[in-house]
Amino acid sequence: MAFQFSLQTAMDVCKQEKEAAHKQYEVAVDAFECEAMALFRLLKQKEDVQAATEKMLVEKASVSDLLISQACLDGLEQQIGKQQLRTDQARADMLQKKATFQQHAVSYKQYERLKEKKRLEQKQAENRREQQLMDELCVTRFKRKFA
């Protein structure tokens, strides 16, 4: 007799939810990586402007050049602050999506374990029935032989 898992529909729905949660997690990871790279580029740009400013100080550049450099740094710091917030939000979203995915994965794993347990129980019951039939057949043959 073929094994029929009574909760197969629920298990299928759980699997679909798990796969959807995994896709959402992957999208969130990509978004976080994009935001983090943008933050990295801004920090690198700030570092380059700071190095150029230091070089101007050594070379005794004009005050107007230093003011322009400082204004550029101020603008970059504002951009970095905003980008840091976006990066933190993307990280929080990614971590929330990861937690959701992990919950769905655990639920699906529980269904898999339950299905395997029920399959084994059915197989054992089938083996017991088969053994009982064999015993009955042997008893019947024995009775016929000596009757």
C-alpha atoms as a PDB file:
ATOM      1  CA  MET A   1       0.000   0.000   0.000  1.00  0.00           C
ATOM      2  CA  ALA A   2       1.360   3.412  -0.987  1.00  0.00           C
ATOM      3  CA  PHE A   3       2.121   5.843   1.807  1.00  0.00           C
ATOM      4  CA  GLN A   4      -0.289   8.773   2.057  1.00  0.00           C
ATOM      5  CA  PHE A   5       0.766  11.599   4.390  1.00  0.00           C
ATOM      6  CA  SER A   6      -2.378  13.204   5.789  1.00  0.00           C
ATOM      7  CA  LEU A   7      -0.692  16.600   6.193  1.00  0.00           C
ATOM      8  CA  GLN A   8       0.870  16.667   2.720  1.00  0.00           C
ATOM      9  CA  THR A   9      -1.135  19.735   1.648  1.00  0.00           C
ATOM     10  CA  ALA A  10      -0.078  21.650   4.750  1.00  0.00           C
ATOM     11  CA  MET A  11       3.506  20.527   4.161  1.00  0.00           C
ATOM     12  CA  ASP A  12       3.357  21.755   0.556  1.00  0.00           C
ATOM     13  CA  VAL A  13       2.033  25.140   1.675  1.00  0.00           C
ATOM     14  CA  CYS A  14       4.774  25.345   4.290  1.00  0.00           C
ATOM     15  CA  LYS A  15       7.378  24.536   1.640  1.00  0.00           C
ATOM     16  CA  GLN A  16       6.030  27.279  -0.627  1.00  0.00           C
ATOM     17  CA  GLU A  17       6.144  29.751   2.262  1.00  0.00           C
ATOM     18  CA  LYS A  18       9.711  28.696   3.030  1.00  0.00           C
ATOM     19  CA  GLU A  19      10.769  29.185  -0.596  1.00  0.00           C
ATOM     20  CA  ALA A  20       9.048  32.587  -0.773  1.00  0.00           C
ATOM     21  CA  ALA A  21      10.728  33.655   2.479  1.00  0.00           C
ATOM     22  CA  HIS A  22      14.085  32.513   1.084  1.00  0.00           C
ATOM     23  CA  LYS A  23      13.586  34.600  -2.062  1.00  0.00           C
ATOM     24  CA  GLN A  24      12.650  37.618   0.044  1.00  0.00           C
ATOM     25  CA  TYR A  25      15.759  37.075   2.154  1.00  0.00           C
ATOM     26  CA  GLU A  26      17.947  36.921  -0.960  1.00  0.00           C
ATOM     27  CA  VAL A  27      16.422  40.183  -2.231  1.00  0.00           C
ATOM     28  CA  ALA A  28      17.059  41.793   1.176  1.00  0.00           C
ATOM     29  CA  VAL A  29      20.677  40.575   1.134  1.00  0.00           C
ATOM     30  CA  ASP A  30      21.162  42.090  -2.319  1.00  0.00           C
ATOM     31  CA  ALA A  31      19.618  45.386  -1.162  1.00  0.00           C
ATOM     32  CA  PHE A  32      21.856  45.448   1.906  1.00  0.00           C
ATOM     33  CA  GLU A  33      24.951  44.747  -0.183  1.00  0.00           C
ATOM     34  CA  CYS A  34      23.997  47.566  -2.557  1.00  0.00           C
ATOM     35  CA  GLU A  35      23.510  50.028   0.315  1.00  0.00           C
ATOM     36  CA  ALA A  36      26.721  48.902   2.008  1.00  0.00           C
ATOM     37  CA  MET A  37      28.694  49.357  -1.209  1.00  0.00           C
ATOM     38  CA  ALA A  38      27.266  52.871  -1.615  1.00  0.00           C
ATOM     39  CA  LEU A  39      28.350  53.653   1.948  1.00  0.00           C
ATOM     40  CA  PHE A  40      31.791  52.209   1.272  1.00  0.00           C
ATOM     41  CA  ARG A  41      32.185  54.371  -1.855  1.00  0.00           C
ATOM     42  CA  LEU A  42      31.218  57.497   0.107  1.00  0.00           C
ATOM     43  CA  LEU A  43      33.687  56.651   2.879  1.00  0.00           C
ATOM     44  CA  LYS A  44      36.407  56.053   0.312  1.00  0.00           C
ATOM     45  CA  GLN A  45      35.579  59.353  -1.357  1.00  0.00           C
ATOM     46  CA  LYS A  46      35.777  61.119   2.032  1.00  0.00           C
ATOM     47  CA  GLU A  47      39.122  59.489   2.679  1.00  0.00           C
ATOM     48  CA  ASP A  48      40.402  60.686  -0.696  1.00  0.00           C
ATOM     49  CA  VAL A  49      39.210  64.265  -0.045  1.00  0.00           C
ATOM     50  CA  GLN A  50      40.828  64.226   3.395  1.00  0.00           C
ATOM     51  CA  ALA A  51      44.107  63.037   1.857  1.00  0.00           C
ATOM     52  CA  ALA A  52      43.906  65.786  -0.748  1.00  0.00           C
ATOM     53  CA  THR A  53      43.224  68.345   1.996  1.00  0.00           C
ATOM     54  CA  GLU A  54      46.244  67.134   3.954  1.00  0.00           C
ATOM     55  CA  LYS A  55      48.342  67.464   0.804  1.00  0.00           C
ATOM     56  CA  MET A  56      47.035  71.023   0.301  1.00  0.00           C
ATOM     57  CA  LEU A  57      48.056  71.905   3.853  1.00  0.00           C
ATOM     58  CA  VAL A  58      51.569  70.594   3.267  1.00  0.00           C
ATOM     59  CA  GLU A  59      51.816  72.450  -0.043  1.00  0.00           C
ATOM     60  CA  LYS A  60      50.361  75.598   1.528  1.00  0.00           C
ATOM     61  CA  ALA A  61      47.350  75.915  -0.767  1.00  0.00           C
ATOM     62  CA  SER A  62      45.084  78.945  -0.784  1.00  0.00           C
ATOM     63  CA  VAL A  63      42.418  79.454   1.855  1.00  0.00           C
ATOM     64  CA  SER A  64      39.686  79.301  -0.783  1.00  0.00           C
ATOM     65  CA  ASP A  65      40.909  75.842  -1.885  1.00  0.00           C
ATOM     66  CA  LEU A  66      40.843  74.683   1.738  1.00  0.00           C
ATOM     67  CA  LEU A  67      37.337  76.097   2.216  1.00  0.00           C
ATOM     68  CA  ILE A  68      36.146  74.292  -0.897  1.00  0.00           C
ATOM     69  CA  SER A  69      37.701  71.080   0.373  1.00  0.00           C
ATOM     70  CA  GLN A  70      36.067  71.541   3.789  1.00  0.00           C
ATOM     71  CA  ALA A  71      32.688  72.191   2.168  1.00  0.00           C
ATOM     72  CA  CYS A  72      33.131  69.017   0.151  1.00  0.00           C
ATOM     73  CA  LEU A  73      33.937  67.090   3.333  1.00  0.00           C
ATOM     74  CA  ASP A  74      30.883  68.539   5.095  1.00  0.00           C
ATOM     75  CA  GLY A  75      28.668  67.492   2.195  1.00  0.00           C
ATOM     76  CA  LEU A  76      30.185  64.014   2.168  1.00  0.00           C
ATOM     77  CA  GLU A  77      29.630  63.643   5.918  1.00  0.00           C
ATOM     78  CA  GLN A  78      25.950  64.497   5.473  1.00  0.00           C
ATOM     79  CA  GLN A  79      25.663  61.977   2.644  1.00  0.00           C
ATOM     80  CA  ILE A  80      27.483  59.381   4.745  1.00  0.00           C
ATOM     81  CA  GLY A  81      25.073  59.956   7.640  1.00  0.00           C
ATOM     82  CA  LYS A  82      22.054  59.464   5.378  1.00  0.00           C
ATOM     83  CA  GLN A  83      23.629  56.454   3.698  1.00  0.00           C
ATOM     84  CA  GLN A  84      24.462  54.952   7.092  1.00  0.00           C
ATOM     85  CA  LEU A  85      20.778  55.160   8.012  1.00  0.00           C
ATOM     86  CA  ARG A  86      19.756  53.480   4.750  1.00  0.00           C
ATOM     87  CA  THR A  87      22.394  50.795   5.294  1.00  0.00           C
ATOM     88  CA  ASP A  88      21.197  50.174   8.857  1.00  0.00           C
ATOM     89  CA  GLN A  89      17.588  49.920   7.653  1.00  0.00           C
ATOM     90  CA  ALA A  90      18.607  47.486   4.914  1.00  0.00           C
ATOM     91  CA  ARG A  91      20.541  45.419   7.477  1.00  0.00           C
ATOM     92  CA  ALA A  92      17.557  45.352   9.845  1.00  0.00           C
ATOM     93  CA  ASP A  93      15.265  44.303   6.980  1.00  0.00           C
ATOM     94  CA  MET A  94      17.728  41.608   5.931  1.00  0.00           C
ATOM     95  CA  LEU A  95      17.968  40.235   9.468  1.00  0.00           C
ATOM     96  CA  GLN A  96      14.167  40.235   9.837  1.00  0.00           C
ATOM     97  CA  LYS A  97      13.798  38.379   6.526  1.00  0.00           C
ATOM     98  CA  LYS A  98      16.463  35.910   7.641  1.00  0.00           C
ATOM     99  CA  ALA A  99      14.589  35.224  10.886  1.00  0.00           C
ATOM    100  CA  THR A 100      11.345  34.705   8.964  1.00  0.00           C
ATOM    101  CA  PHE A 101      13.065  32.326   6.559  1.00  0.00           C
ATOM    102  CA  GLN A 102      14.596  30.373   9.429  1.00  0.00           C
ATOM    103  CA  GLN A 103      11.181  30.037  11.116  1.00  0.00           C
ATOM    104  CA  HIS A 104       9.670  28.668   7.903  1.00  0.00           C
ATOM    105  CA  ALA A 105      12.626  26.330   7.427  1.00  0.00           C
ATOM    106  CA  VAL A 106      12.190  24.947  10.944  1.00  0.00           C
ATOM    107  CA  SER A 107       8.454  24.439  10.377  1.00  0.00           C
ATOM    108  CA  TYR A 108       9.091  22.610   7.121  1.00  0.00           C
ATOM    109  CA  LYS A 109      11.741  20.430   8.759  1.00  0.00           C
ATOM    110  CA  GLN A 110       9.198  19.479  11.438  1.00  0.00           C
ATOM    111  CA  TYR A 111       6.761  18.386   8.724  1.00  0.00           C
ATOM    112  CA  GLU A 112       9.527  16.356   7.058  1.00  0.00           C
ATOM    113  CA  ARG A 113      10.338  14.602  10.332  1.00  0.00           C
ATOM    114  CA  LEU A 114       6.668  13.916  11.039  1.00  0.00           C
ATOM    115  CA  LYS A 115       6.186  12.550   7.517  1.00  0.00           C
ATOM    116  CA  GLU A 116       9.182  10.243   7.884  1.00  0.00           C
ATOM    117  CA  LYS A 117       7.948   9.075  11.297  1.00  0.00           C
ATOM    118  CA  LYS A 118       4.485   8.304   9.909  1.00  0.00           C
ATOM    119  CA  ARG A 119       6.024   6.512   6.907  1.00  0.00           C
ATOM    120  CA  LEU A 120       8.112   4.338   9.200  1.00  0.00           C
ATOM    121  CA  GLU A 121       5.091   3.599  11.410  1.00  0.00           C
ATOM    122  CA  GLN A 122       3.091   2.553   8.352  1.00  0.00           C
ATOM    123  CA  LYS A 123       5.948   0.348   7.135  1.00  0.00           C
ATOM    124  CA  GLN A 124       6.232  -1.310  10.546  1.00  0.00           C
ATOM    125  CA  ALA A 125       2.467  -1.884  10.696  1.00  0.00           C
ATOM    126  CA  GLU A 126       2.589  -3.349   7.199  1.00  0.00           C
ATOM    127  CA  ASN A 127       5.444  -5.652   8.201  1.00  0.00           C
ATOM    128  CA  ARG A 128       3.486  -6.769  11.278  1.00  0.00           C
ATOM    129  CA  ARG A 129       0.388  -7.528   9.143  1.00  0.00           C
ATOM    130  CA  GLU A 130       2.545  -9.397   6.653  1.00  0.00           C
ATOM    131  CA  GLN A 131       4.172 -11.406   9.445  1.00  0.00           C
ATOM    132  CA  GLN A 132       0.758 -12.158  10.958  1.00  0.00           C
ATOM    133  CA  LEU A 133      -0.507 -13.404   7.574  1.00  0.00           C
ATOM    134  CA  MET A 134       2.575 -15.575   7.166  1.00  0.00           C
ATOM    135  CA  ASP A 135       2.047 -17.026  10.658  1.00  0.00           C
ATOM    136  CA  GLU A 136      -1.598 -17.751   9.888  1.00  0.00           C
ATOM    137  CA  LEU A 137      -0.609 -19.374   6.591  1.00  0.00           C
ATOM    138  CA  CYS A 138       1.956 -21.590   8.342  1.00  0.00           C
ATOM    139  CA  VAL A 139      -0.594 -22.639  10.975  1.00  0.00           C
ATOM    140  CA  THR A 140      -3.156 -23.450   8.270  1.00  0.00           C
ATOM    141  CA  ARG A 141      -0.632 -25.545   6.322  1.00  0.00           C
ATOM    142  CA  PHE A 142       0.432 -27.311   9.498  1.00  0.00           C
ATOM    143  CA  LYS A 143      -3.191 -28.145  10.350  1.00  0.00           C
ATOM    144  CA  ARG A 144      -3.832 -29.472   6.834  1.00  0.00           C
ATOM    145  CA  LYS A 145      -0.690 -31.568   6.895  1.00  0.00           C
ATOM    146  CA  PHE A 146      -1.589 -33.283  10.180  1.00  0.00           C
ATOM    147  CA  ALA A 147      -5.352 -33.260   9.885  1.00  0.00           C
END
